[in-house]
Amino acid sequence: MKYIVEHMEANLWEWVALEYKHMLDHVGKGNLYLTSLNTSPNAVALPEAITSGAVCTTKAVTELEFDLKRMVLLDPSAKEPLRPEDAEKFDYCLFGGILGDDPPKDRTKELRVLGFEGRHLGPVQMTTDTAVIVTKRILEDGIPLDKLPFVDRPEIRLRKKELVEMPFRYVVDGTDSDGKPEPLLAPGMLEHLKASNDWDLTVDL
């Protein structure tokens, strides 16, 4: 199974690179395609940790030699959920840019108009890396969507008296010392949040 992310961010922010690397860690070398990458002279280059394992191109997904009839668009507006049996129908999974906008901006619509068959991953917004991981678990591991453990809008402790609420759905990755489910975050994301000066979702305790 190949996973294709049509890059729709104007810049390559640090958190975007962290999510891309997280996807690569889960789907494996050669299985992640990052398309429509920025060609601007001022564009930030992807780290070697990503380019050495993912296929990175400035071309759009429609310009590449994929069998588009075997491609599914992960679309929040799709009528049907993604199911394990879809693995027999599709070879390529397409994700529209960065899914993790809050509120959602529906940038997937730019791909929807091209006529791809769509499937959704539930009613709650996910980050792109979460969507890729969930898709892999459904199609390659055969786990139905409703059997996957999720946590919605989890609170992450940044410092002793500071929390941040992440406004998305995540796969559960164990529990904390209080028994609360912990989200599966991209490695380095917690440190990025702690260092960010413009994060506006923090809560002082």
C-alpha atoms as a PDB file:
ATOM      1  CA  MET A   1       0.000   0.000   0.000  1.00  0.00           C
ATOM      2  CA  LYS A   2       1.267   3.467  -0.913  1.00  0.00           C
ATOM      3  CA  TYR A   3       0.376   6.618   1.016  1.00  0.00           C
ATOM      4  CA  ILE A   4       0.347   9.932  -0.848  1.00  0.00           C
ATOM      5  CA  VAL A   5       0.152  13.342   0.796  1.00  0.00           C
ATOM      6  CA  GLU A   6      -0.587  16.207  -1.568  1.00  0.00           C
ATOM      7  CA  HIS A   7       1.267  19.005   0.225  1.00  0.00           C
ATOM      8  CA  MET A   8      -0.960  22.071   0.602  1.00  0.00           C
ATOM      9  CA  GLU A   9       0.926  24.116   3.168  1.00  0.00           C
ATOM     10  CA  ALA A  10       2.500  27.365   1.972  1.00  0.00           C
ATOM     11  CA  ASN A  11       5.578  26.641   4.067  1.00  0.00           C
ATOM     12  CA  LEU A  12       7.278  23.629   5.545  1.00  0.00           C
ATOM     13  CA  TRP A  13       6.708  24.325   9.218  1.00  0.00           C
ATOM     14  CA  GLU A  14       8.622  22.328  11.809  1.00  0.00           C
ATOM     15  CA  TRP A  15       5.455  20.557  12.954  1.00  0.00           C
ATOM     16  CA  VAL A  16       4.711  19.532   9.353  1.00  0.00           C
ATOM     17  CA  ALA A  17       8.138  17.896   9.034  1.00  0.00           C
ATOM     18  CA  LEU A  18       7.593  16.106  12.353  1.00  0.00           C
ATOM     19  CA  GLU A  19       4.295  14.701  11.090  1.00  0.00           C
ATOM     20  CA  TYR A  20       5.829  13.620   7.772  1.00  0.00           C
ATOM     21  CA  LYS A  21       8.622  11.783   9.579  1.00  0.00           C
ATOM     22  CA  HIS A  22       6.044  10.136  11.853  1.00  0.00           C
ATOM     23  CA  MET A  23       4.124   8.872   8.820  1.00  0.00           C
ATOM     24  CA  LEU A  24       7.309   7.478   7.317  1.00  0.00           C
ATOM     25  CA  ASP A  25       8.164   5.673  10.557  1.00  0.00           C
ATOM     26  CA  HIS A  26       4.827   3.857  10.381  1.00  0.00           C
ATOM     27  CA  VAL A  27       4.402   3.059   6.671  1.00  0.00           C
ATOM     28  CA  GLY A  28       8.042   2.298   5.881  1.00  0.00           C
ATOM     29  CA  LYS A  29      10.629   3.355   3.339  1.00  0.00           C
ATOM     30  CA  GLY A  30       9.349   3.775  -0.204  1.00  0.00           C
ATOM     31  CA  ASN A  31       5.689   3.734   0.782  1.00  0.00           C
ATOM     32  CA  LEU A  32       5.186   7.457   1.481  1.00  0.00           C
ATOM     33  CA  TYR A  33       4.861   9.984  -1.350  1.00  0.00           C
ATOM     34  CA  LEU A  34       4.966  13.721  -0.682  1.00  0.00           C
ATOM     35  CA  THR A  35       3.676  15.534  -3.760  1.00  0.00           C
ATOM     36  CA  SER A  36       3.246  19.174  -4.830  1.00  0.00           C
ATOM     37  CA  LEU A  37       6.126  20.271  -2.629  1.00  0.00           C
ATOM     38  CA  ASN A  38       6.925  23.981  -2.680  1.00  0.00           C
ATOM     39  CA  THR A  39       9.218  25.105  -5.504  1.00  0.00           C
ATOM     40  CA  SER A  40       9.782  28.605  -4.128  1.00  0.00           C
ATOM     41  CA  PRO A  41      13.447  29.668  -3.737  1.00  0.00           C
ATOM     42  CA  ASN A  42      12.601  30.462  -0.116  1.00  0.00           C
ATOM     43  CA  ALA A  43      11.021  27.067   0.547  1.00  0.00           C
ATOM     44  CA  VAL A  44      12.502  25.124   3.447  1.00  0.00           C
ATOM     45  CA  ALA A  45      14.079  21.823   2.403  1.00  0.00           C
ATOM     46  CA  LEU A  46      12.810  18.590   3.881  1.00  0.00           C
ATOM     47  CA  PRO A  47      15.187  16.909   6.345  1.00  0.00           C
ATOM     48  CA  GLU A  48      17.268  14.010   5.019  1.00  0.00           C
ATOM     49  CA  ALA A  49      15.515  11.731   7.512  1.00  0.00           C
ATOM     50  CA  ILE A  50      12.407  12.201   5.334  1.00  0.00           C
ATOM     51  CA  THR A  51      13.895  12.456   1.839  1.00  0.00           C
ATOM     52  CA  SER A  52      15.946   9.294   2.349  1.00  0.00           C
ATOM     53  CA  GLY A  53      12.802   7.233   2.896  1.00  0.00           C
ATOM     54  CA  ALA A  54       9.906   9.047   1.214  1.00  0.00           C
ATOM     55  CA  VAL A  55       9.396   9.820  -2.461  1.00  0.00           C
ATOM     56  CA  CYS A  56       9.424  13.630  -2.588  1.00  0.00           C
ATOM     57  CA  THR A  57       8.362  15.554  -5.683  1.00  0.00           C
ATOM     58  CA  THR A  58       7.131  18.964  -6.792  1.00  0.00           C
ATOM     59  CA  LYS A  59       4.695  17.260  -9.182  1.00  0.00           C
ATOM     60  CA  ALA A  60       1.022  16.938  -8.324  1.00  0.00           C
ATOM     61  CA  VAL A  61      -0.452  13.498  -7.738  1.00  0.00           C
ATOM     62  CA  THR A  62      -2.270  13.640 -11.088  1.00  0.00           C
ATOM     63  CA  GLU A  63       1.066  14.132 -12.893  1.00  0.00           C
ATOM     64  CA  LEU A  64       2.557  10.899 -11.586  1.00  0.00           C
ATOM     65  CA  GLU A  65       2.170   7.428 -13.040  1.00  0.00           C
ATOM     66  CA  PHE A  66      -0.407   6.086 -10.626  1.00  0.00           C
ATOM     67  CA  ASP A  67      -3.470   4.061 -11.566  1.00  0.00           C
ATOM     68  CA  LEU A  68      -5.959   6.650 -10.343  1.00  0.00           C
ATOM     69  CA  LYS A  69      -8.768   4.083 -10.452  1.00  0.00           C
ATOM     70  CA  ARG A  70      -6.952   2.220  -7.683  1.00  0.00           C
ATOM     71  CA  MET A  71      -6.630   5.339  -5.525  1.00  0.00           C
ATOM     72  CA  VAL A  72      -8.858   6.281  -2.582  1.00  0.00           C
ATOM     73  CA  LEU A  73      -9.166   9.819  -1.276  1.00  0.00           C
ATOM     74  CA  LEU A  74      -9.424  10.065   2.500  1.00  0.00           C
ATOM     75  CA  ASP A  75     -12.214  12.607   2.608  1.00  0.00           C
ATOM     76  CA  PRO A  76     -14.121  13.774   5.717  1.00  0.00           C
ATOM     77  CA  SER A  77     -17.148  14.369   3.475  1.00  0.00           C
ATOM     78  CA  ALA A  78     -17.214  10.855   2.015  1.00  0.00           C
ATOM     79  CA  LYS A  79     -20.361   8.818   2.628  1.00  0.00           C
ATOM     80  CA  GLU A  80     -18.630   5.536   3.448  1.00  0.00           C
ATOM     81  CA  PRO A  81     -15.994   4.754   6.094  1.00  0.00           C
ATOM     82  CA  LEU A  82     -12.721   3.092   5.199  1.00  0.00           C
ATOM     83  CA  ARG A  83     -12.958  -0.669   5.783  1.00  0.00           C
ATOM     84  CA  PRO A  84     -10.362  -3.490   5.845  1.00  0.00           C
ATOM     85  CA  GLU A  85     -11.886  -5.005   2.699  1.00  0.00           C
ATOM     86  CA  ASP A  86     -11.045  -1.810   0.806  1.00  0.00           C
ATOM     87  CA  ALA A  87      -7.470  -3.122   0.679  1.00  0.00           C
ATOM     88  CA  GLU A  88      -8.605  -5.369  -2.186  1.00  0.00           C
ATOM     89  CA  LYS A  89      -9.913  -2.386  -4.153  1.00  0.00           C
ATOM     90  CA  PHE A  90      -7.217   0.230  -3.621  1.00  0.00           C
ATOM     91  CA  ASP A  91      -3.432   0.362  -3.875  1.00  0.00           C
ATOM     92  CA  TYR A  92      -2.962   4.073  -3.166  1.00  0.00           C
ATOM     93  CA  CYS A  93      -4.298   6.233  -0.329  1.00  0.00           C
ATOM     94  CA  LEU A  94      -4.443   9.979  -0.982  1.00  0.00           C
ATOM     95  CA  PHE A  95      -4.503  12.624   1.745  1.00  0.00           C
ATOM     96  CA  GLY A  96      -5.302  16.246   0.982  1.00  0.00           C
ATOM     97  CA  GLY A  97      -2.493  18.296   2.432  1.00  0.00           C
ATOM     98  CA  ILE A  98      -2.620  18.934   6.133  1.00  0.00           C
ATOM     99  CA  LEU A  99      -5.854  17.614   7.585  1.00  0.00           C
ATOM    100  CA  GLY A 100      -5.305  19.105  11.012  1.00  0.00           C
ATOM    101  CA  ASP A 101      -6.880  22.546  10.693  1.00  0.00           C
ATOM    102  CA  ASP A 102      -9.027  23.775  13.562  1.00  0.00           C
ATOM    103  CA  PRO A 103     -11.644  24.594  12.464  1.00  0.00           C
ATOM    104  CA  PRO A 104     -11.344  22.389   9.346  1.00  0.00           C
ATOM    105  CA  LYS A 105     -10.801  24.350   6.111  1.00  0.00           C
ATOM    106  CA  ASP A 106     -11.861  21.475   3.824  1.00  0.00           C
ATOM    107  CA  ARG A 107      -8.792  21.734   1.622  1.00  0.00           C
ATOM    108  CA  THR A 108      -9.584  18.158   0.537  1.00  0.00           C
ATOM    109  CA  LYS A 109     -12.191  19.704  -1.787  1.00  0.00           C
ATOM    110  CA  GLU A 110      -9.363  20.640  -4.169  1.00  0.00           C
ATOM    111  CA  LEU A 111      -8.824  16.909  -4.747  1.00  0.00           C
ATOM    112  CA  ARG A 112     -12.467  15.871  -4.418  1.00  0.00           C
ATOM    113  CA  VAL A 113     -13.367  17.661  -7.654  1.00  0.00           C
ATOM    114  CA  LEU A 114     -10.955  15.383  -9.541  1.00  0.00           C
ATOM    115  CA  GLY A 115     -13.349  12.483  -9.034  1.00  0.00           C
ATOM    116  CA  PHE A 116     -11.447  10.137  -6.733  1.00  0.00           C
ATOM    117  CA  GLU A 117     -13.489   7.572  -4.847  1.00  0.00           C
ATOM    118  CA  GLY A 118     -13.658   8.675  -1.210  1.00  0.00           C
ATOM    119  CA  ARG A 119     -13.717   7.135   2.240  1.00  0.00           C
ATOM    120  CA  HIS A 120     -13.862   8.812   5.644  1.00  0.00           C
ATOM    121  CA  LEU A 121     -12.165   8.022   8.965  1.00  0.00           C
ATOM    122  CA  GLY A 122     -14.974   9.106  11.260  1.00  0.00           C
ATOM    123  CA  PRO A 123     -16.569  12.425  12.206  1.00  0.00           C
ATOM    124  CA  VAL A 124     -13.722  13.950  14.237  1.00  0.00           C
ATOM    125  CA  GLN A 125     -10.829  15.870  12.687  1.00  0.00           C
ATOM    126  CA  MET A 126      -7.417  14.162  12.768  1.00  0.00           C
ATOM    127  CA  THR A 127      -3.895  15.359  12.147  1.00  0.00           C
ATOM    128  CA  THR A 128      -2.406  14.085   8.892  1.00  0.00           C
ATOM    129  CA  ASP A 129      -0.032  11.644  10.547  1.00  0.00           C
ATOM    130  CA  THR A 130      -2.887  10.219  12.616  1.00  0.00           C
ATOM    131  CA  ALA A 131      -4.980   9.785   9.454  1.00  0.00           C
ATOM    132  CA  VAL A 132      -2.139   7.940   7.719  1.00  0.00           C
ATOM    133  CA  ILE A 133      -1.532   5.685  10.725  1.00  0.00           C
ATOM    134  CA  VAL A 134      -5.244   4.899  11.057  1.00  0.00           C
ATOM    135  CA  THR A 135      -5.504   4.138   7.339  1.00  0.00           C
ATOM    136  CA  LYS A 136      -2.565   1.732   7.545  1.00  0.00           C
ATOM    137  CA  ARG A 137      -4.045  -0.045  10.552  1.00  0.00           C
ATOM    138  CA  ILE A 138      -7.341  -0.495   8.738  1.00  0.00           C
ATOM    139  CA  LEU A 139      -6.031  -1.588   5.339  1.00  0.00           C
ATOM    140  CA  GLU A 140      -2.808  -3.422   6.209  1.00  0.00           C
ATOM    141  CA  ASP A 141      -3.488  -4.653   9.736  1.00  0.00           C
ATOM    142  CA  GLY A 142      -7.168  -5.394   9.068  1.00  0.00           C
ATOM    143  CA  ILE A 143      -8.486  -3.530  12.127  1.00  0.00           C
ATOM    144  CA  PRO A 144     -11.956  -1.980  11.622  1.00  0.00           C
ATOM    145  CA  LEU A 145     -12.251   1.745  12.294  1.00  0.00           C
ATOM    146  CA  ASP A 146     -14.637   1.216  15.219  1.00  0.00           C
ATOM    147  CA  LYS A 147     -12.154  -1.144  16.911  1.00  0.00           C
ATOM    148  CA  LEU A 148      -9.307   1.359  17.025  1.00  0.00           C
ATOM    149  CA  PRO A 149      -8.812   3.207  20.327  1.00  0.00           C
ATOM    150  CA  PHE A 150      -9.031   6.998  20.037  1.00  0.00           C
ATOM    151  CA  VAL A 151      -8.758   9.968  22.338  1.00  0.00           C
ATOM    152  CA  ASP A 152     -10.366  13.279  21.347  1.00  0.00           C
ATOM    153  CA  ARG A 153      -9.002  16.727  22.209  1.00  0.00           C
ATOM    154  CA  PRO A 154      -6.458  15.413  24.719  1.00  0.00           C
ATOM    155  CA  GLU A 155      -4.759  17.739  27.177  1.00  0.00           C
ATOM    156  CA  ILE A 156      -0.966  17.628  27.074  1.00  0.00           C
ATOM    157  CA  ARG A 157       1.072  18.793  30.037  1.00  0.00           C
ATOM    158  CA  LEU A 158       3.834  21.115  28.879  1.00  0.00           C
ATOM    159  CA  ARG A 159       5.075  22.198  32.273  1.00  0.00           C
ATOM    160  CA  LYS A 160       4.036  21.712  35.885  1.00  0.00           C
ATOM    161  CA  LYS A 161       1.292  24.337  35.700  1.00  0.00           C
ATOM    162  CA  GLU A 162       0.661  24.511  31.973  1.00  0.00           C
ATOM    163  CA  LEU A 163      -1.546  22.343  29.774  1.00  0.00           C
ATOM    164  CA  VAL A 164      -2.339  22.499  26.079  1.00  0.00           C
ATOM    165  CA  GLU A 165      -5.490  21.042  24.539  1.00  0.00           C
ATOM    166  CA  MET A 166      -4.895  19.408  21.175  1.00  0.00           C
ATOM    167  CA  PRO A 167      -8.090  20.001  19.152  1.00  0.00           C
ATOM    168  CA  PHE A 168      -7.948  16.759  17.170  1.00  0.00           C
ATOM    169  CA  ARG A 169      -8.513  13.008  17.405  1.00  0.00           C
ATOM    170  CA  TYR A 170      -5.495  10.776  18.051  1.00  0.00           C
ATOM    171  CA  VAL A 171      -4.791   7.062  18.332  1.00  0.00           C
ATOM    172  CA  VAL A 172      -4.351   6.040  21.964  1.00  0.00           C
ATOM    173  CA  ASP A 173      -0.760   5.268  22.931  1.00  0.00           C
ATOM    174  CA  GLY A 174      -1.018   3.872  26.454  1.00  0.00           C
ATOM    175  CA  THR A 175      -2.085   5.726  29.584  1.00  0.00           C
ATOM    176  CA  ASP A 176      -0.521   8.347  31.835  1.00  0.00           C
ATOM    177  CA  SER A 177       0.148   8.081  35.571  1.00  0.00           C
ATOM    178  CA  ASP A 178      -3.495   8.996  36.258  1.00  0.00           C
ATOM    179  CA  GLY A 179      -4.819   6.281  33.965  1.00  0.00           C
ATOM    180  CA  LYS A 180      -5.904   8.719  31.256  1.00  0.00           C
ATOM    181  CA  PRO A 181      -5.355   7.717  27.619  1.00  0.00           C
ATOM    182  CA  GLU A 182      -2.329   9.331  26.011  1.00  0.00           C
ATOM    183  CA  PRO A 183      -2.293  10.345  22.339  1.00  0.00           C
ATOM    184  CA  LEU A 184       0.169   8.949  19.830  1.00  0.00           C
ATOM    185  CA  LEU A 185       2.140  12.088  18.943  1.00  0.00           C
ATOM    186  CA  ALA A 186       4.903  12.497  16.405  1.00  0.00           C
ATOM    187  CA  PRO A 187       8.331  12.170  18.063  1.00  0.00           C
ATOM    188  CA  GLY A 188       9.562  15.656  18.864  1.00  0.00           C
ATOM    189  CA  MET A 189       6.083  17.194  18.842  1.00  0.00           C
ATOM    190  CA  LEU A 190       5.925  17.623  22.618  1.00  0.00           C
ATOM    191  CA  GLU A 191       9.267  19.423  22.598  1.00  0.00           C
ATOM    192  CA  HIS A 192       8.060  21.576  19.711  1.00  0.00           C
ATOM    193  CA  LEU A 193       4.953  22.558  21.658  1.00  0.00           C
ATOM    194  CA  LYS A 194       7.018  23.451  24.704  1.00  0.00           C
ATOM    195  CA  ALA A 195       9.306  25.646  22.621  1.00  0.00           C
ATOM    196  CA  SER A 196       6.558  27.329  20.601  1.00  0.00           C
ATOM    197  CA  ASN A 197       5.897  30.953  21.504  1.00  0.00           C
ATOM    198  CA  ASP A 198       2.736  31.343  19.456  1.00  0.00           C
ATOM    199  CA  TRP A 199       0.668  28.430  20.758  1.00  0.00           C
ATOM    200  CA  ASP A 200      -2.692  29.847  21.780  1.00  0.00           C
ATOM    201  CA  LEU A 201      -4.350  26.811  23.336  1.00  0.00           C
ATOM    202  CA  THR A 202      -2.446  26.743  26.605  1.00  0.00           C
ATOM    203  CA  VAL A 203      -4.202  26.773  29.930  1.00  0.00           C
ATOM    204  CA  ASP A 204      -2.487  28.053  33.068  1.00  0.00           C
ATOM    205  CA  LEU A 205      -3.366  26.119  36.218  1.00  0.00           C
END
